[in-house]
Amino acid sequence: HIEANLNVSNKAVHAYINYIIENNDDPKSFFEDLGYDYSIVSNENKYMSWNDYKIITESLNERYEKFDEGMTRHGLTNKYVKHVLDILSRMISFSFVGDFILKYSFKTFYTDAVAIGLTKKGKHRFDIIITFKTKEDIFPVFVDMYRDVFLALPKLVSNSLSWEVNIEQNDNVLIYHINEKMGPTSIFTSIQFFILRLFKLDKYYQTLIFDNLQHSNELEKINLE
């Protein structure tokens, strides 16, 4: 079906397709039962409307009891990658790199259907702000899904990091108030920190990440223009 605002990338439902397969179900039948052409929905180069995305998300939530939990499993699981990210996350907080990461991911999935940003409120507190076209675009499954994602995200980076998440809605703006909490550092991580600082590699990695983030932001601005 043809709608004016086809501004949600089909990439946004790619994880849904994987989730359906993980549950030993047929994604083609699921989408066709909803009235969608699976060959179009599964094509990541095509787009759908926000309303279509809402219908698909709500239908999945009704079909599967632990849908939110399933979505949070699609993340970083490699233990070696986790060790590296654990070190980097101690040197550079999410509240610094998070704004770019969130904007990049939301631009990839939702193009201009919704906008996201991060506002720092303190050393360990920040707000993740999602702005919708209208307040009617906000639906409970989306709100809960991203609450669970934000609760799970720190654990994908570091076992000693956790977030306290509180939600506030103001008309068409959805705000996730994040309070970042850090547990005790493990002996293994402490040794890695000592080695990094001994050879001054922590400053090297910081500079490397800062330069790459600055370059990525410049590329993003060019692409948007």
N, C-alpha and C. Protein backbone atom coordinates (compact mmCIF):
# COMPACT_ATOMS: atom_id res chain seq x y z
N HIS A 1 0.84 -1.20 0.00
CA HIS A 1 0.00 0.00 0.00
C HIS A 1 0.87 1.25 0.00
N ILE A 2 0.38 2.31 -0.67
CA ILE A 2 1.17 3.53 -0.88
C ILE A 2 0.77 4.58 0.14
N GLU A 3 1.75 5.14 0.83
CA GLU A 3 1.50 6.22 1.78
C GLU A 3 2.50 7.33 1.52
N ALA A 4 2.16 8.54 1.96
CA ALA A 4 2.99 9.70 1.66
C ALA A 4 4.33 9.66 2.37
N ASN A 5 4.32 9.34 3.66
CA ASN A 5 5.54 9.43 4.46
C ASN A 5 6.19 8.06 4.65
N LEU A 6 6.89 7.60 3.64
CA LEU A 6 7.63 6.33 3.76
C LEU A 6 9.02 6.66 4.31
N ASN A 7 9.08 6.91 5.61
CA ASN A 7 10.31 7.42 6.21
C ASN A 7 10.91 6.51 7.27
N VAL A 8 10.50 5.24 7.29
CA VAL A 8 11.13 4.26 8.18
C VAL A 8 11.81 3.20 7.32
N SER A 9 13.12 3.06 7.50
CA SER A 9 13.85 2.08 6.71
C SER A 9 13.44 0.66 7.09
N ASN A 10 13.37 -0.22 6.10
CA ASN A 10 13.07 -1.63 6.38
C ASN A 10 14.16 -2.27 7.24
N LYS A 11 15.30 -1.60 7.38
CA LYS A 11 16.35 -2.08 8.28
C LYS A 11 15.83 -2.17 9.71
N ALA A 12 14.82 -1.35 10.03
CA ALA A 12 14.27 -1.31 11.39
C ALA A 12 13.57 -2.61 11.76
N VAL A 13 13.11 -3.37 10.76
CA VAL A 13 12.41 -4.63 11.05
C VAL A 13 13.28 -5.85 10.77
N HIS A 14 14.55 -5.62 10.44
CA HIS A 14 15.45 -6.75 10.17
C HIS A 14 15.62 -7.63 11.42
N ALA A 15 15.76 -6.97 12.58
CA ALA A 15 15.88 -7.72 13.84
C ALA A 15 14.59 -8.47 14.14
N TYR A 16 13.46 -7.92 13.73
CA TYR A 16 12.18 -8.59 13.92
C TYR A 16 12.15 -9.91 13.15
N ILE A 17 12.63 -9.85 11.91
CA ILE A 17 12.66 -11.05 11.07
C ILE A 17 13.52 -12.13 11.70
N ASN A 18 14.70 -11.72 12.20
CA ASN A 18 15.58 -12.68 12.88
C ASN A 18 14.93 -13.26 14.13
N TYR A 19 14.20 -12.42 14.83
CA TYR A 19 13.53 -12.85 16.06
C TYR A 19 12.45 -13.88 15.75
N ILE A 20 11.69 -13.67 14.69
CA ILE A 20 10.65 -14.62 14.27
C ILE A 20 11.28 -15.97 13.92
N ILE A 21 12.38 -15.93 13.20
CA ILE A 21 13.09 -17.16 12.81
C ILE A 21 13.62 -17.88 14.05
N GLU A 22 14.15 -17.10 15.02
CA GLU A 22 14.66 -17.69 16.27
C GLU A 22 13.56 -18.44 17.02
N ASN A 23 12.32 -18.00 16.84
CA ASN A 23 11.18 -18.65 17.50
C ASN A 23 10.57 -19.75 16.64
N ASN A 24 11.35 -20.18 15.63
CA ASN A 24 10.94 -21.29 14.75
C ASN A 24 9.62 -21.00 14.02
N ASP A 25 9.39 -19.74 13.70
CA ASP A 25 8.22 -19.34 12.93
C ASP A 25 8.65 -18.83 11.56
N ASP A 26 7.69 -18.66 10.68
CA ASP A 26 7.96 -18.23 9.31
C ASP A 26 7.66 -16.73 9.17
N PRO A 27 8.69 -15.90 8.96
CA PRO A 27 8.46 -14.46 8.84
C PRO A 27 7.58 -14.10 7.64
N LYS A 28 7.71 -14.87 6.56
CA LYS A 28 6.90 -14.60 5.36
C LYS A 28 5.41 -14.71 5.68
N SER A 29 5.03 -15.76 6.40
CA SER A 29 3.63 -15.95 6.77
C SER A 29 3.16 -14.85 7.72
N PHE A 30 4.05 -14.46 8.66
CA PHE A 30 3.69 -13.42 9.62
C PHE A 30 3.33 -12.11 8.91
N PHE A 31 4.18 -11.67 8.00
CA PHE A 31 3.94 -10.40 7.31
C PHE A 31 2.79 -10.49 6.33
N GLU A 32 2.64 -11.62 5.66
CA GLU A 32 1.54 -11.76 4.72
C GLU A 32 0.20 -11.80 5.43
N ASP A 33 0.17 -12.36 6.65
CA ASP A 33 -1.06 -12.36 7.44
C ASP A 33 -1.49 -10.93 7.82
N LEU A 34 -0.50 -10.03 7.90
CA LEU A 34 -0.79 -8.63 8.21
C LEU A 34 -1.12 -7.81 6.96
N GLY A 35 -0.96 -8.45 5.80
CA GLY A 35 -1.27 -7.77 4.54
C GLY A 35 -0.08 -7.12 3.86
N TYR A 36 1.15 -7.53 4.25
CA TYR A 36 2.35 -6.96 3.65
C TYR A 36 3.02 -7.95 2.70
N ASP A 37 3.64 -7.41 1.66
CA ASP A 37 4.41 -8.22 0.71
C ASP A 37 5.79 -8.47 1.33
N TYR A 38 6.09 -9.72 1.66
CA TYR A 38 7.34 -10.03 2.36
C TYR A 38 8.58 -9.68 1.54
N SER A 39 8.48 -9.80 0.22
CA SER A 39 9.62 -9.47 -0.65
C SER A 39 9.98 -7.98 -0.55
N ILE A 40 8.98 -7.15 -0.24
CA ILE A 40 9.23 -5.70 -0.07
C ILE A 40 9.70 -5.40 1.35
N VAL A 41 9.01 -5.97 2.35
CA VAL A 41 9.37 -5.71 3.76
C VAL A 41 10.78 -6.20 4.08
N SER A 42 11.20 -7.30 3.49
CA SER A 42 12.52 -7.87 3.78
C SER A 42 13.63 -7.19 2.97
N ASN A 43 13.27 -6.29 2.06
CA ASN A 43 14.25 -5.56 1.25
C ASN A 43 14.72 -4.34 2.03
N GLU A 44 15.96 -4.35 2.50
CA GLU A 44 16.48 -3.28 3.37
C GLU A 44 16.73 -1.97 2.64
N ASN A 45 16.58 -1.97 1.32
CA ASN A 45 16.75 -0.74 0.56
C ASN A 45 15.43 0.03 0.42
N LYS A 46 14.35 -0.56 0.92
CA LYS A 46 13.04 0.08 0.79
C LYS A 46 12.58 0.64 2.14
N TYR A 47 11.45 1.37 2.10
CA TYR A 47 10.97 2.08 3.28
C TYR A 47 9.49 1.80 3.51
N MET A 48 9.05 2.04 4.74
CA MET A 48 7.65 1.92 5.11
C MET A 48 7.24 3.15 5.90
N SER A 49 5.95 3.28 6.17
CA SER A 49 5.47 4.41 6.96
C SER A 49 5.62 4.11 8.45
N TRP A 50 5.55 5.16 9.28
CA TRP A 50 5.61 4.97 10.73
C TRP A 50 4.44 4.13 11.20
N ASN A 51 3.27 4.33 10.58
CA ASN A 51 2.09 3.57 10.96
C ASN A 51 2.27 2.07 10.68
N ASP A 52 2.91 1.74 9.54
CA ASP A 52 3.20 0.33 9.22
C ASP A 52 4.16 -0.26 10.26
N TYR A 53 5.18 0.52 10.61
CA TYR A 53 6.14 0.07 11.61
C TYR A 53 5.45 -0.17 12.95
N LYS A 54 4.53 0.72 13.30
CA LYS A 54 3.77 0.58 14.54
C LYS A 54 2.92 -0.69 14.53
N ILE A 55 2.21 -0.94 13.43
CA ILE A 55 1.35 -2.12 13.31
C ILE A 55 2.18 -3.40 13.45
N ILE A 56 3.33 -3.46 12.77
CA ILE A 56 4.20 -4.64 12.81
C ILE A 56 4.74 -4.87 14.22
N THR A 57 5.20 -3.80 14.86
CA THR A 57 5.77 -3.90 16.21
C THR A 57 4.72 -4.35 17.22
N GLU A 58 3.54 -3.76 17.16
CA GLU A 58 2.47 -4.12 18.09
C GLU A 58 2.00 -5.57 17.86
N SER A 59 1.97 -5.99 16.61
CA SER A 59 1.56 -7.36 16.28
C SER A 59 2.55 -8.38 16.83
N LEU A 60 3.83 -8.07 16.74
CA LEU A 60 4.87 -8.96 17.29
C LEU A 60 4.75 -9.05 18.81
N ASN A 61 4.49 -7.90 19.42
CA ASN A 61 4.36 -7.86 20.88
C ASN A 61 3.16 -8.69 21.35
N GLU A 62 2.09 -8.68 20.57
CA GLU A 62 0.90 -9.47 20.92
C GLU A 62 1.15 -10.97 20.70
N ARG A 63 1.97 -11.28 19.71
CA ARG A 63 2.20 -12.68 19.35
C ARG A 63 3.18 -13.37 20.30
N TYR A 64 4.22 -12.64 20.72
CA TYR A 64 5.27 -13.25 21.54
C TYR A 64 5.28 -12.64 22.94
N GLU A 65 5.27 -13.49 23.93
CA GLU A 65 5.14 -13.05 25.32
C GLU A 65 6.33 -12.22 25.79
N LYS A 66 7.54 -12.59 25.37
CA LYS A 66 8.75 -11.90 25.83
C LYS A 66 9.44 -11.19 24.67
N PHE A 67 8.65 -10.45 23.90
CA PHE A 67 9.16 -9.76 22.72
C PHE A 67 10.26 -8.76 23.07
N ASP A 68 10.04 -7.94 24.13
CA ASP A 68 11.04 -6.94 24.53
C ASP A 68 12.38 -7.56 24.86
N GLU A 69 12.34 -8.67 25.60
CA GLU A 69 13.58 -9.35 25.98
C GLU A 69 14.31 -9.88 24.75
N GLY A 70 13.54 -10.36 23.79
CA GLY A 70 14.14 -10.88 22.56
C GLY A 70 14.88 -9.82 21.78
N MET A 71 14.34 -8.60 21.77
CA MET A 71 14.97 -7.52 21.03
C MET A 71 16.29 -7.09 21.66
N THR A 72 16.38 -7.19 22.97
CA THR A 72 17.61 -6.75 23.65
C THR A 72 18.75 -7.76 23.50
N ARG A 73 18.43 -8.97 23.03
CA ARG A 73 19.49 -9.98 22.86
C ARG A 73 20.36 -9.71 21.65
N HIS A 74 19.89 -8.88 20.73
CA HIS A 74 20.66 -8.59 19.52
C HIS A 74 21.69 -7.52 19.85
N GLY A 75 22.81 -7.91 20.38
CA GLY A 75 23.82 -6.95 20.79
C GLY A 75 25.21 -7.56 20.77
N LEU A 76 26.10 -6.98 21.55
CA LEU A 76 27.49 -7.43 21.60
C LEU A 76 27.61 -8.60 22.56
N THR A 77 28.09 -9.74 22.06
CA THR A 77 28.19 -10.93 22.90
C THR A 77 29.61 -11.50 22.95
N ASN A 78 30.44 -11.10 22.00
CA ASN A 78 31.80 -11.63 21.97
C ASN A 78 32.58 -11.17 23.21
N LYS A 79 33.08 -12.14 24.00
CA LYS A 79 33.72 -11.79 25.28
C LYS A 79 34.99 -10.97 25.10
N TYR A 80 35.69 -11.16 23.97
CA TYR A 80 36.92 -10.40 23.73
C TYR A 80 36.60 -8.95 23.39
N VAL A 81 35.54 -8.78 22.60
CA VAL A 81 35.09 -7.43 22.28
C VAL A 81 34.63 -6.72 23.54
N LYS A 82 33.93 -7.45 24.42
CA LYS A 82 33.43 -6.88 25.66
C LYS A 82 34.57 -6.35 26.53
N HIS A 83 35.70 -7.06 26.57
CA HIS A 83 36.84 -6.62 27.38
C HIS A 83 37.37 -5.28 26.86
N VAL A 84 37.50 -5.15 25.54
CA VAL A 84 38.00 -3.92 24.94
C VAL A 84 37.03 -2.77 25.22
N LEU A 85 35.74 -3.03 25.00
CA LEU A 85 34.73 -2.00 25.23
C LEU A 85 34.66 -1.60 26.70
N ASP A 86 34.92 -2.57 27.58
CA ASP A 86 34.92 -2.29 29.01
C ASP A 86 35.98 -1.24 29.33
N ILE A 87 37.16 -1.39 28.76
CA ILE A 87 38.26 -0.44 28.99
C ILE A 87 37.92 0.93 28.41
N LEU A 88 37.45 0.91 27.15
CA LEU A 88 37.16 2.17 26.47
C LEU A 88 36.02 2.92 27.16
N SER A 89 35.03 2.17 27.66
CA SER A 89 33.89 2.82 28.30
C SER A 89 34.29 3.49 29.61
N ARG A 90 35.39 3.00 30.24
CA ARG A 90 35.87 3.64 31.47
C ARG A 90 36.61 4.95 31.15
N MET A 91 37.26 4.97 29.98
CA MET A 91 38.02 6.15 29.61
C MET A 91 37.12 7.22 28.99
N ILE A 92 36.10 6.78 28.24
CA ILE A 92 35.19 7.70 27.58
C ILE A 92 33.77 7.27 27.88
N SER A 93 33.01 8.09 28.59
CA SER A 93 31.68 7.69 29.01
C SER A 93 30.70 7.70 27.85
N PHE A 94 29.60 6.96 28.02
CA PHE A 94 28.57 6.91 26.99
C PHE A 94 27.95 8.29 26.77
N SER A 95 27.91 9.10 27.83
CA SER A 95 27.31 10.43 27.70
C SER A 95 28.11 11.31 26.74
N PHE A 96 29.37 10.92 26.43
CA PHE A 96 30.16 11.68 25.46
C PHE A 96 29.95 11.16 24.05
N VAL A 97 30.08 9.84 23.85
CA VAL A 97 29.97 9.27 22.51
C VAL A 97 28.54 8.91 22.15
N GLY A 98 27.68 8.85 23.17
CA GLY A 98 26.31 8.37 22.97
C GLY A 98 25.48 9.19 22.02
N ASP A 99 25.66 10.51 22.03
CA ASP A 99 24.86 11.38 21.17
C ASP A 99 25.04 10.99 19.71
N PHE A 100 26.28 10.78 19.30
CA PHE A 100 26.55 10.39 17.91
C PHE A 100 25.99 8.99 17.62
N ILE A 101 26.23 8.05 18.55
CA ILE A 101 25.78 6.67 18.35
C ILE A 101 24.26 6.61 18.20
N LEU A 102 23.54 7.32 19.07
CA LEU A 102 22.08 7.32 19.03
C LEU A 102 21.57 7.97 17.75
N LYS A 103 22.12 9.12 17.39
CA LYS A 103 21.67 9.81 16.19
C LYS A 103 21.93 8.98 14.94
N TYR A 104 23.10 8.33 14.91
CA TYR A 104 23.45 7.51 13.75
C TYR A 104 22.49 6.33 13.60
N SER A 105 22.22 5.64 14.71
CA SER A 105 21.36 4.46 14.66
C SER A 105 19.92 4.84 14.33
N PHE A 106 19.41 5.93 14.93
CA PHE A 106 18.03 6.34 14.66
C PHE A 106 17.88 6.87 13.24
N LYS A 107 18.91 7.55 12.72
CA LYS A 107 18.86 8.04 11.34
C LYS A 107 18.85 6.85 10.38
N THR A 108 19.59 5.81 10.72
CA THR A 108 19.63 4.61 9.88
C THR A 108 18.28 3.91 9.84
N PHE A 109 17.63 3.78 11.01
CA PHE A 109 16.37 3.05 11.09
C PHE A 109 15.15 3.89 10.74
N TYR A 110 15.08 5.10 11.28
CA TYR A 110 13.84 5.87 11.20
C TYR A 110 13.95 7.13 10.35
N THR A 111 15.06 7.33 9.66
CA THR A 111 15.36 8.51 8.84
C THR A 111 14.85 9.78 9.54
N ASP A 112 13.74 10.37 9.05
CA ASP A 112 13.25 11.59 9.70
C ASP A 112 11.90 11.39 10.38
N ALA A 113 11.53 10.14 10.65
CA ALA A 113 10.25 9.86 11.33
C ALA A 113 10.30 10.33 12.78
N VAL A 114 11.46 10.13 13.42
CA VAL A 114 11.68 10.61 14.78
C VAL A 114 13.11 11.14 14.88
N ALA A 115 13.33 12.02 15.85
CA ALA A 115 14.67 12.57 16.08
C ALA A 115 15.10 12.22 17.49
N ILE A 116 16.40 11.98 17.68
CA ILE A 116 16.91 11.60 19.00
C ILE A 116 18.15 12.41 19.34
N GLY A 117 18.31 12.70 20.61
CA GLY A 117 19.49 13.42 21.07
C GLY A 117 19.77 13.12 22.52
N LEU A 118 20.93 13.52 22.97
CA LEU A 118 21.35 13.26 24.35
C LEU A 118 21.74 14.57 25.00
N THR A 119 21.19 14.82 26.18
CA THR A 119 21.51 16.03 26.93
C THR A 119 22.13 15.65 28.27
N LYS A 120 23.34 16.12 28.53
CA LYS A 120 24.04 15.79 29.76
C LYS A 120 23.47 16.61 30.92
N LYS A 121 23.18 15.94 32.03
CA LYS A 121 22.60 16.60 33.20
C LYS A 121 23.54 16.61 34.40
N GLY A 122 24.64 15.92 34.30
CA GLY A 122 25.59 15.82 35.40
C GLY A 122 26.67 14.82 35.03
N LYS A 123 27.56 14.55 35.96
CA LYS A 123 28.66 13.64 35.67
C LYS A 123 28.17 12.24 35.33
N HIS A 124 27.13 11.78 36.00
CA HIS A 124 26.60 10.44 35.78
C HIS A 124 25.13 10.43 35.40
N ARG A 125 24.63 11.58 34.96
CA ARG A 125 23.22 11.65 34.59
C ARG A 125 23.06 12.34 33.23
N PHE A 126 22.19 11.79 32.41
CA PHE A 126 21.89 12.42 31.13
C PHE A 126 20.49 11.99 30.67
N ASP A 127 19.93 12.76 29.75
CA ASP A 127 18.61 12.46 29.20
C ASP A 127 18.75 12.03 27.74
N ILE A 128 18.05 10.96 27.39
CA ILE A 128 17.91 10.57 25.99
C ILE A 128 16.54 11.06 25.54
N ILE A 129 16.52 11.97 24.58
CA ILE A 129 15.29 12.64 24.18
C ILE A 129 14.89 12.21 22.77
N ILE A 130 13.68 11.66 22.64
CA ILE A 130 13.15 11.24 21.34
C ILE A 130 11.97 12.13 20.99
N THR A 131 12.06 12.80 19.84
CA THR A 131 11.00 13.71 19.40
C THR A 131 10.26 13.11 18.22
N PHE A 132 8.95 12.99 18.35
CA PHE A 132 8.09 12.42 17.31
C PHE A 132 7.40 13.54 16.54
N LYS A 133 6.83 13.19 15.40
CA LYS A 133 6.09 14.17 14.60
C LYS A 133 4.88 14.68 15.38
N THR A 134 4.13 13.75 15.97
CA THR A 134 2.96 14.09 16.79
C THR A 134 2.95 13.18 18.01
N LYS A 135 2.21 13.56 19.04
CA LYS A 135 2.13 12.72 20.24
C LYS A 135 1.42 11.41 19.96
N GLU A 136 0.58 11.37 18.91
CA GLU A 136 -0.12 10.14 18.54
C GLU A 136 0.83 9.08 17.99
N ASP A 137 2.02 9.51 17.55
CA ASP A 137 3.01 8.56 17.02
C ASP A 137 3.66 7.72 18.12
N ILE A 138 3.56 8.18 19.35
CA ILE A 138 4.14 7.46 20.48
C ILE A 138 3.20 6.33 20.88
N PHE A 139 3.74 5.09 20.87
CA PHE A 139 2.90 3.97 21.29
C PHE A 139 3.63 3.15 22.35
N PRO A 140 2.88 2.55 23.29
CA PRO A 140 3.47 1.92 24.48
C PRO A 140 4.54 0.87 24.20
N VAL A 141 4.35 0.06 23.17
CA VAL A 141 5.33 -1.01 22.88
C VAL A 141 6.68 -0.40 22.54
N PHE A 142 6.70 0.69 21.77
CA PHE A 142 7.94 1.38 21.41
C PHE A 142 8.61 1.92 22.66
N VAL A 143 7.82 2.55 23.54
CA VAL A 143 8.35 3.13 24.78
C VAL A 143 9.00 2.04 25.64
N ASP A 144 8.29 0.92 25.80
CA ASP A 144 8.80 -0.18 26.64
C ASP A 144 10.00 -0.85 26.00
N MET A 145 9.97 -0.99 24.66
CA MET A 145 11.06 -1.66 23.96
C MET A 145 12.38 -0.92 24.16
N TYR A 146 12.33 0.41 24.02
CA TYR A 146 13.57 1.17 24.18
C TYR A 146 13.98 1.34 25.63
N ARG A 147 13.01 1.31 26.53
CA ARG A 147 13.38 1.28 27.96
C ARG A 147 14.20 0.04 28.25
N ASP A 148 13.75 -1.12 27.74
CA ASP A 148 14.47 -2.38 27.96
C ASP A 148 15.83 -2.37 27.26
N VAL A 149 15.88 -1.76 26.07
CA VAL A 149 17.15 -1.65 25.35
C VAL A 149 18.14 -0.82 26.15
N PHE A 150 17.68 0.32 26.69
CA PHE A 150 18.57 1.19 27.46
C PHE A 150 18.99 0.55 28.78
N LEU A 151 18.12 -0.27 29.36
CA LEU A 151 18.49 -1.00 30.58
C LEU A 151 19.54 -2.06 30.30
N ALA A 152 19.45 -2.69 29.11
CA ALA A 152 20.37 -3.77 28.76
C ALA A 152 21.68 -3.28 28.16
N LEU A 153 21.65 -2.10 27.54
CA LEU A 153 22.82 -1.59 26.83
C LEU A 153 24.10 -1.53 27.66
N PRO A 154 24.08 -1.00 28.89
CA PRO A 154 25.32 -0.94 29.66
C PRO A 154 25.93 -2.30 29.95
N LYS A 155 25.08 -3.32 30.14
CA LYS A 155 25.59 -4.66 30.43
C LYS A 155 26.26 -5.29 29.22
N LEU A 156 25.85 -4.83 28.02
CA LEU A 156 26.50 -5.32 26.80
C LEU A 156 27.91 -4.75 26.67
N VAL A 157 28.14 -3.61 27.34
CA VAL A 157 29.44 -2.95 27.30
C VAL A 157 30.32 -3.38 28.47
N SER A 158 29.73 -3.39 29.67
CA SER A 158 30.51 -3.71 30.86
C SER A 158 29.62 -4.32 31.94
N ASN A 159 30.07 -5.41 32.54
CA ASN A 159 29.29 -6.06 33.60
C ASN A 159 29.20 -5.21 34.87
N SER A 160 30.10 -4.23 34.98
CA SER A 160 30.11 -3.40 36.18
C SER A 160 29.33 -2.10 36.01
N LEU A 161 28.75 -1.92 34.81
CA LEU A 161 28.01 -0.69 34.52
C LEU A 161 26.51 -0.98 34.47
N SER A 162 25.71 -0.09 35.04
CA SER A 162 24.25 -0.24 34.97
C SER A 162 23.60 1.12 34.87
N TRP A 163 22.40 1.16 34.29
CA TRP A 163 21.64 2.39 34.16
C TRP A 163 20.32 2.28 34.91
N GLU A 164 19.98 3.36 35.58
CA GLU A 164 18.63 3.49 36.13
C GLU A 164 17.86 4.35 35.13
N VAL A 165 16.72 3.84 34.65
CA VAL A 165 15.97 4.51 33.58
C VAL A 165 14.58 4.92 34.06
N ASN A 166 14.27 6.21 33.95
CA ASN A 166 12.94 6.73 34.24
C ASN A 166 12.39 7.43 33.01
N ILE A 167 11.09 7.28 32.77
CA ILE A 167 10.48 7.78 31.54
C ILE A 167 9.55 8.95 31.82
N GLU A 168 9.61 9.96 30.94
CA GLU A 168 8.71 11.10 31.02
C GLU A 168 8.24 11.44 29.61
N GLN A 169 6.94 11.74 29.45
CA GLN A 169 6.41 12.17 28.16
C GLN A 169 5.85 13.56 28.26
N ASN A 170 6.28 14.42 27.33
CA ASN A 170 5.79 15.79 27.28
C ASN A 170 5.30 16.07 25.86
N ASP A 171 3.99 15.91 25.66
CA ASP A 171 3.36 16.06 24.35
C ASP A 171 3.99 15.07 23.36
N ASN A 172 4.69 15.55 22.32
CA ASN A 172 5.29 14.65 21.32
C ASN A 172 6.74 14.31 21.63
N VAL A 173 7.20 14.60 22.84
CA VAL A 173 8.59 14.34 23.24
C VAL A 173 8.64 13.27 24.32
N LEU A 174 9.46 12.26 24.08
CA LEU A 174 9.65 11.17 25.02
C LEU A 174 11.05 11.28 25.62
N ILE A 175 11.14 11.32 26.94
CA ILE A 175 12.43 11.52 27.61
C ILE A 175 12.75 10.32 28.50
N TYR A 176 13.93 9.75 28.30
CA TYR A 176 14.44 8.70 29.17
C TYR A 176 15.52 9.33 30.06
N HIS A 177 15.23 9.45 31.35
CA HIS A 177 16.19 10.00 32.31
C HIS A 177 17.13 8.86 32.73
N ILE A 178 18.42 9.01 32.43
CA ILE A 178 19.41 7.97 32.71
C ILE A 178 20.31 8.37 33.87
N ASN A 179 20.43 7.47 34.83
CA ASN A 179 21.37 7.64 35.93
C ASN A 179 22.39 6.50 35.83
N GLU A 180 23.62 6.86 35.53
CA GLU A 180 24.67 5.87 35.28
C GLU A 180 25.33 5.44 36.59
N LYS A 181 25.38 4.13 36.82
CA LYS A 181 25.98 3.60 38.04
C LYS A 181 27.11 2.64 37.70
N MET A 182 28.23 2.80 38.39
CA MET A 182 29.41 1.97 38.13
C MET A 182 29.74 1.13 39.35
N GLY A 183 29.85 -0.18 39.14
CA GLY A 183 30.21 -1.09 40.22
C GLY A 183 31.73 -1.16 40.39
N PRO A 184 32.21 -2.00 41.30
CA PRO A 184 33.66 -2.13 41.52
C PRO A 184 34.37 -2.72 40.31
N THR A 185 35.59 -2.26 40.07
CA THR A 185 36.39 -2.73 38.95
C THR A 185 36.99 -4.10 39.25
N SER A 186 36.94 -5.01 38.27
CA SER A 186 37.51 -6.34 38.46
C SER A 186 39.04 -6.26 38.44
N ILE A 187 39.70 -7.28 39.00
CA ILE A 187 41.17 -7.33 39.03
C ILE A 187 41.72 -7.34 37.61
N PHE A 188 41.03 -8.12 36.72
CA PHE A 188 41.47 -8.24 35.33
C PHE A 188 41.45 -6.87 34.64
N THR A 189 40.36 -6.11 34.85
CA THR A 189 40.24 -4.80 34.23
C THR A 189 41.24 -3.82 34.83
N SER A 190 41.49 -3.92 36.14
CA SER A 190 42.47 -3.05 36.81
C SER A 190 43.87 -3.24 36.23
N ILE A 191 44.23 -4.50 35.96
CA ILE A 191 45.54 -4.80 35.35
C ILE A 191 45.63 -4.19 33.96
N GLN A 192 44.52 -4.30 33.18
CA GLN A 192 44.51 -3.73 31.84
C GLN A 192 44.67 -2.21 31.90
N PHE A 193 44.00 -1.57 32.86
CA PHE A 193 44.14 -0.13 33.05
C PHE A 193 45.58 0.24 33.36
N PHE A 194 46.22 -0.53 34.25
CA PHE A 194 47.60 -0.27 34.66
C PHE A 194 48.54 -0.33 33.46
N ILE A 195 48.36 -1.36 32.61
CA ILE A 195 49.21 -1.52 31.42
C ILE A 195 49.00 -0.37 30.45
N LEU A 196 47.72 0.00 30.24
CA LEU A 196 47.41 1.10 29.33
C LEU A 196 48.07 2.40 29.78
N ARG A 197 47.96 2.67 31.10
CA ARG A 197 48.51 3.92 31.62
C ARG A 197 50.04 3.89 31.66
N LEU A 198 50.60 2.70 31.92
CA LEU A 198 52.05 2.55 31.98
C LEU A 198 52.69 2.94 30.65
N PHE A 199 52.07 2.50 29.55
CA PHE A 199 52.62 2.78 28.22
C PHE A 199 51.92 3.96 27.54
N LYS A 200 51.11 4.69 28.34
CA LYS A 200 50.39 5.87 27.86
C LYS A 200 49.49 5.56 26.68
N LEU A 201 48.98 4.31 26.62
CA LEU A 201 48.10 3.91 25.52
C LEU A 201 46.69 4.45 25.71
N ASP A 202 46.33 4.77 26.97
CA ASP A 202 44.97 5.28 27.20
C ASP A 202 44.76 6.61 26.46
N LYS A 203 45.80 7.48 26.49
CA LYS A 203 45.70 8.76 25.78
C LYS A 203 45.66 8.54 24.26
N TYR A 204 46.41 7.53 23.81
CA TYR A 204 46.41 7.21 22.38
C TYR A 204 45.02 6.78 21.92
N TYR A 205 44.39 5.89 22.68
CA TYR A 205 43.05 5.40 22.33
C TYR A 205 42.01 6.52 22.42
N GLN A 206 42.17 7.39 23.43
CA GLN A 206 41.24 8.52 23.55
C GLN A 206 41.31 9.41 22.31
N THR A 207 42.55 9.75 21.91
CA THR A 207 42.75 10.61 20.74
C THR A 207 42.20 9.94 19.48
N LEU A 208 42.46 8.64 19.37
CA LEU A 208 41.99 7.88 18.20
C LEU A 208 40.47 7.92 18.10
N ILE A 209 39.80 7.69 19.22
CA ILE A 209 38.34 7.69 19.24
C ILE A 209 37.80 9.09 18.99
N PHE A 210 38.39 10.10 19.64
CA PHE A 210 37.94 11.49 19.45
C PHE A 210 38.03 11.88 17.97
N ASP A 211 39.18 11.57 17.35
CA ASP A 211 39.39 11.93 15.94
C ASP A 211 38.39 11.24 15.03
N ASN A 212 38.14 9.96 15.31
CA ASN A 212 37.19 9.21 14.48
C ASN A 212 35.77 9.71 14.66
N LEU A 213 35.40 10.07 15.90
CA LEU A 213 34.07 10.61 16.14
C LEU A 213 33.89 11.96 15.44
N GLN A 214 34.93 12.80 15.51
CA GLN A 214 34.86 14.10 14.85
C GLN A 214 34.72 13.93 13.34
N HIS A 215 35.49 13.00 12.77
CA HIS A 215 35.42 12.73 11.34
C HIS A 215 34.05 12.18 10.95
N SER A 216 33.49 11.28 11.78
CA SER A 216 32.18 10.69 11.51
C SER A 216 31.08 11.74 11.57
N ASN A 217 31.21 12.65 12.54
CA ASN A 217 30.22 13.73 12.65
C ASN A 217 30.26 14.65 11.43
N GLU A 218 31.48 14.92 10.93
CA GLU A 218 31.62 15.75 9.74
C GLU A 218 31.00 15.07 8.52
N LEU A 219 31.23 13.74 8.40
CA LEU A 219 30.64 12.99 7.30
C LEU A 219 29.12 12.98 7.38
N GLU A 220 28.61 12.85 8.60
CA GLU A 220 27.16 12.83 8.81
C GLU A 220 26.55 14.16 8.38
N LYS A 221 27.19 15.28 8.72
CA LYS A 221 26.69 16.59 8.33
C LYS A 221 26.67 16.74 6.81
N ILE A 222 27.73 16.24 6.13
CA ILE A 222 27.78 16.29 4.68
C ILE A 222 26.66 15.47 4.06
N ASN A 223 26.45 14.27 4.61
CA ASN A 223 25.39 13.39 4.10
C ASN A 223 24.02 14.02 4.28
N LEU A 224 23.78 14.64 5.43
CA LEU A 224 22.50 15.27 5.70
C LEU A 224 22.26 16.44 4.75
N GLU A 225 23.33 17.21 4.50
CA GLU A 225 23.21 18.35 3.54
C GLU A 225 22.91 17.84 2.14
